[in-house]
């Protein structure tokens, strides 16, 4: 009888852990899909770890994404911010400078939540000048 109770108790604990983990993963995926591009960095766009399980692991962009109005929404306000203070806007790094949800590129230029991960040595102002040279 005692062994049966221990086995059932262990089964309940394992089931709870599995359900909690699945919920965290599904939540992360649904938030990630709200961003225009999330190909390369995936979870690390918002989290400090590749396999997030708790909200405490949010990086600076993840916190801004969570605190945006409405929460977890990609828009022009979030695109114009520079969450990691690296000199590049979130929109430039993700590839949607207007924040309209339409990506200008197919893979992120860099991670908007990691100040050590910058797009390139070309500044946004220089890139704007280069782009203007190729406009009709």
N, C-alpha and C. Protein backbone atom coordinates (compact mmCIF):
# COMPACT_ATOMS: atom_id res chain seq x y z
N UNK A 1 0.83 -1.20 0.00
CA UNK A 1 0.00 0.00 0.00
C UNK A 1 0.86 1.26 0.00
N UNK A 2 1.87 1.27 0.87
CA UNK A 2 2.75 2.42 0.98
C UNK A 2 3.54 2.66 -0.32
N UNK A 3 4.01 1.58 -0.95
CA UNK A 3 4.74 1.66 -2.20
C UNK A 3 3.84 2.21 -3.30
N UNK A 4 2.58 1.80 -3.28
CA UNK A 4 1.62 2.28 -4.29
C UNK A 4 1.40 3.79 -4.15
N UNK A 5 1.29 4.29 -2.91
CA UNK A 5 1.10 5.72 -2.68
C UNK A 5 2.33 6.51 -3.13
N UNK A 6 3.52 5.97 -2.84
CA UNK A 6 4.74 6.65 -3.26
C UNK A 6 4.82 6.71 -4.78
N UNK A 7 4.47 5.62 -5.44
CA UNK A 7 4.50 5.57 -6.90
C UNK A 7 3.51 6.55 -7.50
N UNK A 8 2.31 6.60 -6.93
CA UNK A 8 1.30 7.53 -7.43
C UNK A 8 1.73 8.98 -7.19
N UNK A 9 2.30 9.23 -6.03
CA UNK A 9 2.77 10.58 -5.72
C UNK A 9 3.87 11.02 -6.67
N UNK A 10 4.79 10.12 -6.96
CA UNK A 10 5.86 10.42 -7.90
C UNK A 10 5.30 10.67 -9.30
N UNK A 11 4.31 9.90 -9.70
CA UNK A 11 3.68 10.07 -11.02
C UNK A 11 3.01 11.44 -11.11
N UNK A 12 2.35 11.87 -10.05
CA UNK A 12 1.69 13.18 -10.03
C UNK A 12 2.74 14.29 -10.15
N UNK A 13 3.84 14.18 -9.44
CA UNK A 13 4.90 15.19 -9.50
C UNK A 13 5.49 15.27 -10.91
N UNK A 14 5.77 14.13 -11.52
CA UNK A 14 6.33 14.10 -12.87
C UNK A 14 5.34 14.72 -13.85
N UNK A 15 4.07 14.39 -13.72
CA UNK A 15 3.03 14.95 -14.60
C UNK A 15 2.96 16.47 -14.45
N UNK A 16 3.01 16.98 -13.22
CA UNK A 16 2.97 18.43 -12.99
C UNK A 16 4.17 19.12 -13.64
N UNK A 17 5.34 18.54 -13.50
CA UNK A 17 6.55 19.13 -14.10
C UNK A 17 6.41 19.16 -15.62
N UNK A 18 5.92 18.08 -16.22
CA UNK A 18 5.74 18.04 -17.67
C UNK A 18 4.73 19.07 -18.15
N UNK A 19 3.62 19.20 -17.45
CA UNK A 19 2.59 20.17 -17.83
C UNK A 19 3.13 21.59 -17.72
N UNK A 20 3.84 21.89 -16.63
CA UNK A 20 4.42 23.22 -16.45
C UNK A 20 5.43 23.54 -17.55
N UNK A 21 6.29 22.60 -17.86
CA UNK A 21 7.31 22.81 -18.90
C UNK A 21 6.67 23.04 -20.25
N UNK A 22 5.65 22.28 -20.58
CA UNK A 22 4.97 22.43 -21.87
C UNK A 22 4.30 23.80 -21.96
N UNK A 23 3.70 24.26 -20.87
CA UNK A 23 3.05 25.57 -20.85
C UNK A 23 4.05 26.69 -21.07
N UNK A 24 5.22 26.60 -20.44
CA UNK A 24 6.25 27.61 -20.62
C UNK A 24 6.74 27.64 -22.06
N UNK A 25 6.94 26.47 -22.65
CA UNK A 25 7.42 26.40 -24.02
C UNK A 25 6.38 26.95 -24.99
N UNK A 26 5.13 26.59 -24.81
CA UNK A 26 4.08 27.09 -25.69
C UNK A 26 3.92 28.60 -25.55
N UNK A 27 4.05 29.12 -24.32
CA UNK A 27 3.96 30.56 -24.10
C UNK A 27 5.08 31.29 -24.82
N UNK A 28 6.28 30.76 -24.74
CA UNK A 28 7.42 31.37 -25.40
C UNK A 28 7.23 31.36 -26.92
N UNK A 29 6.76 30.26 -27.47
CA UNK A 29 6.54 30.17 -28.92
C UNK A 29 5.48 31.17 -29.38
N UNK A 30 4.40 31.29 -28.63
CA UNK A 30 3.33 32.21 -29.05
C UNK A 30 3.81 33.66 -29.00
N UNK A 31 4.67 34.00 -28.04
CA UNK A 31 5.22 35.35 -27.98
C UNK A 31 6.21 35.56 -29.13
N UNK A 32 7.05 34.56 -29.38
CA UNK A 32 8.06 34.68 -30.43
C UNK A 32 7.39 34.90 -31.79
N UNK A 33 6.26 34.27 -32.02
CA UNK A 33 5.56 34.41 -33.29
C UNK A 33 4.96 35.79 -33.49
N UNK A 34 4.92 36.61 -32.44
CA UNK A 34 4.42 37.99 -32.56
C UNK A 34 5.49 38.92 -33.12
N UNK A 35 6.74 38.45 -33.16
CA UNK A 35 7.83 39.25 -33.71
C UNK A 35 7.94 38.99 -35.20
N UNK A 36 8.32 40.01 -35.98
CA UNK A 36 8.38 39.83 -37.43
C UNK A 36 9.43 38.82 -37.88
N UNK A 37 10.54 38.73 -37.18
CA UNK A 37 11.60 37.78 -37.52
C UNK A 37 12.12 37.17 -36.21
N UNK A 38 12.23 35.86 -36.17
CA UNK A 38 12.76 35.17 -34.99
C UNK A 38 13.46 33.89 -35.41
N UNK A 39 14.22 33.97 -36.50
CA UNK A 39 14.83 32.79 -37.11
C UNK A 39 16.11 32.36 -36.40
N UNK A 40 17.03 33.27 -36.26
CA UNK A 40 18.37 32.91 -35.77
C UNK A 40 18.44 32.80 -34.24
N UNK A 41 17.98 33.82 -33.55
CA UNK A 41 18.17 33.87 -32.10
C UNK A 41 17.07 33.15 -31.32
N UNK A 42 15.91 32.97 -31.94
CA UNK A 42 14.76 32.28 -31.34
C UNK A 42 14.51 32.80 -29.92
N UNK A 43 14.54 31.93 -28.93
CA UNK A 43 14.22 32.30 -27.55
C UNK A 43 15.17 33.35 -26.99
N UNK A 44 16.41 33.38 -27.49
CA UNK A 44 17.39 34.33 -26.97
C UNK A 44 17.11 35.77 -27.38
N UNK A 45 16.13 35.98 -28.28
CA UNK A 45 15.72 37.36 -28.57
C UNK A 45 15.23 38.02 -27.28
N UNK A 46 14.50 37.29 -26.47
CA UNK A 46 13.91 37.84 -25.25
C UNK A 46 14.53 37.30 -23.96
N UNK A 47 15.15 36.14 -24.05
CA UNK A 47 15.66 35.48 -22.85
C UNK A 47 17.19 35.47 -22.83
N UNK A 48 17.73 35.30 -21.65
CA UNK A 48 19.18 35.22 -21.49
C UNK A 48 19.70 33.81 -21.71
N UNK A 49 18.80 32.85 -21.83
CA UNK A 49 19.17 31.45 -22.04
C UNK A 49 18.43 30.90 -23.26
N UNK A 50 18.96 29.86 -23.85
CA UNK A 50 18.34 29.27 -25.05
C UNK A 50 17.09 28.48 -24.73
N UNK A 51 16.99 27.97 -23.50
CA UNK A 51 15.86 27.13 -23.11
C UNK A 51 15.19 27.74 -21.88
N UNK A 52 14.38 28.78 -22.07
CA UNK A 52 13.79 29.48 -20.92
C UNK A 52 12.68 28.68 -20.25
N UNK A 53 12.63 28.78 -18.96
CA UNK A 53 11.56 28.14 -18.21
C UNK A 53 10.88 29.08 -17.24
N UNK A 54 11.55 30.17 -16.89
CA UNK A 54 10.95 31.13 -15.95
C UNK A 54 11.12 32.55 -16.48
N UNK A 55 10.24 33.43 -16.07
CA UNK A 55 10.24 34.81 -16.54
C UNK A 55 11.50 35.57 -16.13
N UNK A 56 12.18 35.13 -15.08
CA UNK A 56 13.37 35.84 -14.58
C UNK A 56 14.50 35.88 -15.59
N UNK A 57 14.45 35.05 -16.60
CA UNK A 57 15.55 34.98 -17.56
C UNK A 57 15.41 35.97 -18.72
N UNK A 58 14.51 36.93 -18.62
CA UNK A 58 14.33 37.90 -19.70
C UNK A 58 15.52 38.85 -19.79
N UNK A 59 15.95 39.13 -21.04
CA UNK A 59 16.98 40.14 -21.24
C UNK A 59 16.30 41.50 -21.38
N UNK A 60 17.06 42.55 -21.70
CA UNK A 60 16.49 43.90 -21.75
C UNK A 60 15.39 44.03 -22.81
N UNK A 61 15.57 43.41 -23.98
CA UNK A 61 14.53 43.46 -25.01
C UNK A 61 13.29 42.68 -24.56
N UNK A 62 13.49 41.53 -23.94
CA UNK A 62 12.37 40.74 -23.44
C UNK A 62 11.55 41.51 -22.43
N UNK A 63 12.21 42.26 -21.56
CA UNK A 63 11.50 43.08 -20.58
C UNK A 63 10.72 44.20 -21.26
N UNK A 64 11.33 44.84 -22.27
CA UNK A 64 10.62 45.89 -23.00
C UNK A 64 9.44 45.32 -23.78
N UNK A 65 9.60 44.14 -24.35
CA UNK A 65 8.53 43.45 -25.08
C UNK A 65 7.38 43.13 -24.13
N UNK A 66 7.71 42.62 -22.96
CA UNK A 66 6.70 42.29 -21.94
C UNK A 66 5.99 43.55 -21.45
N UNK A 67 6.74 44.64 -21.24
CA UNK A 67 6.19 45.86 -20.66
C UNK A 67 5.57 46.79 -21.70
N UNK A 68 5.66 46.45 -22.97
CA UNK A 68 5.09 47.28 -24.03
C UNK A 68 3.57 47.34 -23.87
N UNK A 69 2.95 48.34 -24.44
CA UNK A 69 1.48 48.47 -24.39
C UNK A 69 0.89 48.23 -25.76
N UNK A 70 0.02 47.25 -25.93
CA UNK A 70 -0.29 46.20 -24.96
C UNK A 70 0.90 45.24 -24.80
N UNK A 71 0.92 44.49 -23.68
CA UNK A 71 2.05 43.60 -23.40
C UNK A 71 2.29 42.59 -24.53
N UNK A 72 3.54 42.27 -24.73
CA UNK A 72 3.99 41.29 -25.74
C UNK A 72 3.46 41.63 -27.12
N UNK A 73 3.60 42.91 -27.50
CA UNK A 73 3.17 43.37 -28.81
C UNK A 73 4.34 44.02 -29.53
N UNK A 74 4.54 43.65 -30.78
CA UNK A 74 5.54 44.30 -31.61
C UNK A 74 4.85 45.47 -32.29
N UNK A 75 5.38 46.67 -32.13
CA UNK A 75 4.82 47.85 -32.77
C UNK A 75 5.91 48.91 -32.95
N UNK A 76 5.53 50.07 -33.48
CA UNK A 76 6.50 51.13 -33.77
C UNK A 76 7.21 51.62 -32.51
N UNK A 77 6.51 51.66 -31.38
CA UNK A 77 7.13 52.12 -30.13
C UNK A 77 8.29 51.22 -29.75
N UNK A 78 8.07 49.90 -29.79
CA UNK A 78 9.13 48.96 -29.45
C UNK A 78 10.23 48.94 -30.51
N UNK A 79 9.85 49.10 -31.77
CA UNK A 79 10.84 49.12 -32.85
C UNK A 79 11.79 50.31 -32.73
N UNK A 80 11.30 51.46 -32.25
CA UNK A 80 12.12 52.66 -32.12
C UNK A 80 13.06 52.65 -30.92
N UNK A 81 12.78 51.77 -29.94
CA UNK A 81 13.63 51.70 -28.75
C UNK A 81 14.95 51.02 -29.06
N UNK A 82 15.92 51.26 -28.23
CA UNK A 82 17.20 50.56 -28.27
C UNK A 82 17.35 49.86 -26.92
N UNK A 83 16.73 48.71 -26.81
CA UNK A 83 16.64 48.01 -25.52
C UNK A 83 17.99 47.68 -24.91
N UNK A 84 18.97 47.32 -25.73
CA UNK A 84 20.26 46.92 -25.19
C UNK A 84 21.30 48.04 -25.22
N UNK A 85 20.88 49.25 -25.61
CA UNK A 85 21.75 50.43 -25.62
C UNK A 85 23.05 50.23 -26.40
N UNK A 86 22.93 49.58 -27.56
CA UNK A 86 24.12 49.36 -28.39
C UNK A 86 24.20 50.34 -29.57
N UNK A 87 23.25 51.29 -29.62
CA UNK A 87 23.26 52.28 -30.69
C UNK A 87 22.39 51.91 -31.88
N UNK A 88 21.75 50.76 -31.84
CA UNK A 88 20.87 50.30 -32.93
C UNK A 88 19.47 50.08 -32.37
N UNK A 89 18.47 50.55 -33.10
CA UNK A 89 17.10 50.36 -32.63
C UNK A 89 16.71 48.89 -32.71
N UNK A 90 15.73 48.52 -31.92
CA UNK A 90 15.22 47.14 -31.96
C UNK A 90 14.74 46.79 -33.36
N UNK A 91 14.07 47.74 -34.00
CA UNK A 91 13.55 47.51 -35.34
C UNK A 91 14.66 47.24 -36.35
N UNK A 92 15.75 47.98 -36.25
CA UNK A 92 16.88 47.76 -37.15
C UNK A 92 17.48 46.38 -36.90
N UNK A 93 17.64 46.02 -35.63
CA UNK A 93 18.27 44.73 -35.31
C UNK A 93 17.39 43.56 -35.73
N UNK A 94 16.08 43.67 -35.52
CA UNK A 94 15.18 42.57 -35.88
C UNK A 94 14.86 42.56 -37.37
N UNK A 95 14.89 43.73 -37.99
CA UNK A 95 14.62 43.79 -39.42
C UNK A 95 13.25 44.31 -39.77
N UNK A 96 12.67 45.12 -38.89
CA UNK A 96 11.39 45.77 -39.14
C UNK A 96 11.46 47.15 -38.49
N UNK A 97 12.09 48.08 -39.19
CA UNK A 97 12.32 49.40 -38.62
C UNK A 97 11.05 50.19 -38.38
N UNK A 98 10.00 49.93 -39.14
CA UNK A 98 8.73 50.65 -38.96
C UNK A 98 7.90 50.08 -37.81
N UNK A 99 8.17 48.84 -37.42
CA UNK A 99 7.39 48.22 -36.36
C UNK A 99 6.00 47.82 -36.80
N UNK A 100 5.83 47.63 -38.10
CA UNK A 100 4.50 47.28 -38.63
C UNK A 100 4.29 45.77 -38.77
N UNK A 101 5.27 44.99 -38.35
CA UNK A 101 5.14 43.54 -38.42
C UNK A 101 5.56 42.95 -39.75
N UNK A 102 6.01 43.80 -40.67
CA UNK A 102 6.45 43.33 -41.98
C UNK A 102 7.97 43.41 -42.01
N UNK A 103 8.61 42.27 -42.07
CA UNK A 103 10.06 42.21 -42.02
C UNK A 103 10.69 42.70 -43.32
N UNK A 104 11.77 43.46 -43.18
CA UNK A 104 12.55 43.94 -44.32
C UNK A 104 13.57 42.89 -44.76
N UNK A 105 13.87 41.95 -43.87
CA UNK A 105 14.89 40.93 -44.09
C UNK A 105 14.35 39.59 -43.62
N UNK A 106 15.03 38.50 -43.96
CA UNK A 106 14.54 37.18 -43.58
C UNK A 106 15.19 36.62 -42.32
N UNK A 107 16.26 37.24 -41.86
CA UNK A 107 16.92 36.80 -40.62
C UNK A 107 17.38 38.05 -39.87
N UNK A 108 17.33 38.00 -38.56
CA UNK A 108 17.69 39.16 -37.75
C UNK A 108 19.11 39.62 -38.04
N UNK A 109 19.32 40.93 -37.98
CA UNK A 109 20.67 41.48 -38.15
C UNK A 109 21.50 41.19 -36.90
N UNK A 110 20.86 41.29 -35.75
CA UNK A 110 21.52 41.05 -34.47
C UNK A 110 20.45 40.90 -33.39
N UNK A 111 20.89 40.65 -32.17
CA UNK A 111 19.97 40.43 -31.06
C UNK A 111 19.72 41.75 -30.32
N UNK A 112 18.46 42.23 -30.31
CA UNK A 112 18.16 43.51 -29.65
C UNK A 112 18.22 43.47 -28.14
N UNK A 113 18.48 42.30 -27.58
CA UNK A 113 18.60 42.19 -26.13
C UNK A 113 20.00 41.89 -25.66
N UNK A 114 20.97 41.95 -26.57
CA UNK A 114 22.36 41.64 -26.23
C UNK A 114 23.25 42.78 -26.71
N UNK A 115 23.77 43.60 -25.79
CA UNK A 115 24.58 44.76 -26.19
C UNK A 115 25.90 44.38 -26.87
N UNK A 116 26.35 43.14 -26.69
CA UNK A 116 27.59 42.69 -27.33
C UNK A 116 27.36 42.13 -28.72
N UNK A 117 26.10 42.06 -29.14
CA UNK A 117 25.76 41.51 -30.46
C UNK A 117 25.21 42.64 -31.31
N UNK A 118 26.07 43.23 -32.15
CA UNK A 118 25.69 44.37 -32.98
C UNK A 118 25.64 43.96 -34.46
N UNK A 119 24.82 44.65 -35.24
CA UNK A 119 24.65 44.28 -36.64
C UNK A 119 25.94 44.31 -37.47
N UNK A 120 26.66 45.39 -37.41
CA UNK A 120 27.90 45.53 -38.18
C UNK A 120 28.55 46.83 -37.77
N UNK A 121 29.62 47.15 -38.44
CA UNK A 121 30.29 48.40 -38.12
C UNK A 121 29.63 49.58 -38.83
N UNK A 122 28.65 49.33 -39.68
CA UNK A 122 27.94 50.40 -40.37
C UNK A 122 26.87 50.95 -39.44
N UNK A 123 26.89 52.24 -39.20
CA UNK A 123 25.90 52.86 -38.32
C UNK A 123 24.56 52.96 -39.05
N UNK A 124 23.46 53.08 -38.31
CA UNK A 124 22.16 53.26 -38.96
C UNK A 124 22.13 54.47 -39.90
N UNK A 125 22.80 55.56 -39.54
CA UNK A 125 22.81 56.76 -40.39
C UNK A 125 23.53 56.47 -41.71
N UNK A 126 24.66 55.76 -41.64
CA UNK A 126 25.39 55.41 -42.85
C UNK A 126 24.57 54.46 -43.72
N UNK A 127 23.92 53.51 -43.09
CA UNK A 127 23.08 52.58 -43.84
C UNK A 127 21.95 53.32 -44.55
N UNK A 128 21.38 54.31 -43.89
CA UNK A 128 20.31 55.10 -44.49
C UNK A 128 20.81 55.83 -45.74
N UNK A 129 22.02 56.37 -45.67
CA UNK A 129 22.61 57.05 -46.83
C UNK A 129 22.84 56.05 -47.97
N UNK A 130 23.36 54.89 -47.64
CA UNK A 130 23.60 53.86 -48.65
C UNK A 130 22.29 53.43 -49.31
N UNK A 131 21.25 53.23 -48.49
CA UNK A 131 19.93 52.84 -49.03
C UNK A 131 19.41 53.91 -49.98
N UNK A 132 19.61 55.18 -49.63
CA UNK A 132 19.08 56.27 -50.46
C UNK A 132 19.75 56.30 -51.84
N UNK A 133 20.95 55.81 -51.94
CA UNK A 133 21.66 55.75 -53.22
C UNK A 133 21.00 54.78 -54.21
N UNK A 134 20.27 53.79 -53.67
CA UNK A 134 19.68 52.77 -54.52
C UNK A 134 18.18 52.90 -54.69
N UNK A 135 17.60 53.96 -54.17
CA UNK A 135 16.18 54.19 -54.33
C UNK A 135 15.89 54.75 -55.72
N UNK A 136 14.74 54.45 -56.23
CA UNK A 136 14.34 54.96 -57.56
C UNK A 136 14.03 56.43 -57.51
